[in-house]
Amino acid sequence: MRAGAVVLIAAIALVGCRTEEQGRPVAYDKGVYQGQPDTALPEARLNDLRDRARRQHFF
């Protein structure tokens, strides 16, 4: 009975991981971003963001 419980728990633990979680990093380097690099924004979008920031600046 005890061996059956151990096998059951082991099976649940092995099957419990979702497919999308498998293969992802589980150890991280401190201070190092390991994600995808950001894409550069188009100049028109940057100008729009600068304009928004200027309109929010109150004296």
C-alpha atoms as a PDB file:
ATOM      1  CA  MET A   1       0.000   0.000   0.000  1.00  0.00           C
ATOM      2  CA  ARG A   2       2.793   2.398   0.873  1.00  0.00           C
ATOM      3  CA  ALA A   3       4.600   1.661  -2.395  1.00  0.00           C
ATOM      4  CA  GLY A   4       1.382   2.349  -4.295  1.00  0.00           C
ATOM      5  CA  ALA A   5       1.017   5.722  -2.597  1.00  0.00           C
ATOM      6  CA  VAL A   6       4.605   6.644  -3.471  1.00  0.00           C
ATOM      7  CA  VAL A   7       4.062   5.662  -7.110  1.00  0.00           C
ATOM      8  CA  LEU A   8       0.813   7.651  -7.222  1.00  0.00           C
ATOM      9  CA  ILE A   9       2.438  10.770  -5.759  1.00  0.00           C
ATOM     10  CA  ALA A  10       5.396  10.462  -8.142  1.00  0.00           C
ATOM     11  CA  ALA A  11       3.057  10.110 -11.124  1.00  0.00           C
ATOM     12  CA  ILE A  12       1.061  13.181 -10.089  1.00  0.00           C
ATOM     13  CA  ALA A  13       4.260  15.182  -9.604  1.00  0.00           C
ATOM     14  CA  LEU A  14       5.585  14.240 -13.041  1.00  0.00           C
ATOM     15  CA  VAL A  15       2.319  14.891 -14.856  1.00  0.00           C
ATOM     16  CA  GLY A  16       1.567  18.067 -12.901  1.00  0.00           C
ATOM     17  CA  CYS A  17       3.781  20.328 -15.025  1.00  0.00           C
ATOM     18  CA  ARG A  18       1.963  22.101 -17.824  1.00  0.00           C
ATOM     19  CA  THR A  19       3.440  21.826 -21.298  1.00  0.00           C
ATOM     20  CA  GLU A  20       4.051  25.586 -21.628  1.00  0.00           C
ATOM     21  CA  GLU A  21       6.065  25.578 -18.381  1.00  0.00           C
ATOM     22  CA  GLN A  22       8.444  22.860 -19.510  1.00  0.00           C
ATOM     23  CA  GLY A  23      11.724  23.996 -21.021  1.00  0.00           C
ATOM     24  CA  ARG A  24      11.673  27.434 -19.397  1.00  0.00           C
ATOM     25  CA  PRO A  25      14.675  28.586 -17.352  1.00  0.00           C
ATOM     26  CA  VAL A  26      14.516  27.738 -13.687  1.00  0.00           C
ATOM     27  CA  ALA A  27      17.862  29.275 -12.729  1.00  0.00           C
ATOM     28  CA  TYR A  28      18.408  32.986 -13.327  1.00  0.00           C
ATOM     29  CA  ASP A  29      21.555  35.116 -13.385  1.00  0.00           C
ATOM     30  CA  LYS A  30      21.196  38.035 -11.004  1.00  0.00           C
ATOM     31  CA  GLY A  31      21.070  41.342 -12.841  1.00  0.00           C
ATOM     32  CA  VAL A  32      20.983  39.783 -16.322  1.00  0.00           C
ATOM     33  CA  TYR A  33      17.858  40.141 -18.468  1.00  0.00           C
ATOM     34  CA  GLN A  34      17.349  36.890 -20.346  1.00  0.00           C
ATOM     35  CA  GLY A  35      14.216  37.809 -22.285  1.00  0.00           C
ATOM     36  CA  GLN A  36      13.812  38.820 -25.893  1.00  0.00           C
ATOM     37  CA  PRO A  37      15.421  42.157 -26.830  1.00  0.00           C
ATOM     38  CA  ASP A  38      13.066  45.097 -27.241  1.00  0.00           C
ATOM     39  CA  THR A  39      12.297  46.416 -30.686  1.00  0.00           C
ATOM     40  CA  ALA A  40      12.997  50.063 -31.435  1.00  0.00           C
ATOM     41  CA  LEU A  41       9.972  52.360 -31.627  1.00  0.00           C
ATOM     42  CA  PRO A  42       9.387  54.296 -34.827  1.00  0.00           C
ATOM     43  CA  GLU A  43      10.327  57.970 -34.692  1.00  0.00           C
ATOM     44  CA  ALA A  44       6.682  59.041 -35.087  1.00  0.00           C
ATOM     45  CA  ARG A  45       5.704  57.028 -31.983  1.00  0.00           C
ATOM     46  CA  LEU A  46       8.605  58.497 -30.012  1.00  0.00           C
ATOM     47  CA  ASN A  47       7.483  62.010 -30.969  1.00  0.00           C
ATOM     48  CA  ASP A  48       3.918  61.219 -29.845  1.00  0.00           C
ATOM     49  CA  LEU A  49       5.206  60.008 -26.481  1.00  0.00           C
ATOM     50  CA  ARG A  50       7.400  63.099 -26.053  1.00  0.00           C
ATOM     51  CA  ASP A  51       4.420  65.335 -26.821  1.00  0.00           C
ATOM     52  CA  ARG A  52       2.292  63.529 -24.238  1.00  0.00           C
ATOM     53  CA  ALA A  53       5.042  63.935 -21.643  1.00  0.00           C
ATOM     54  CA  ARG A  54       5.323  67.673 -22.405  1.00  0.00           C
ATOM     55  CA  ARG A  55       1.563  68.156 -21.953  1.00  0.00           C
ATOM     56  CA  GLN A  56       1.716  66.481 -18.541  1.00  0.00           C
ATOM     57  CA  HIS A  57       4.450  68.786 -17.245  1.00  0.00           C
ATOM     58  CA  PHE A  58       2.847  71.468 -15.059  1.00  0.00           C
ATOM     59  CA  PHE A  59       4.613  74.340 -13.298  1.00  0.00           C
END
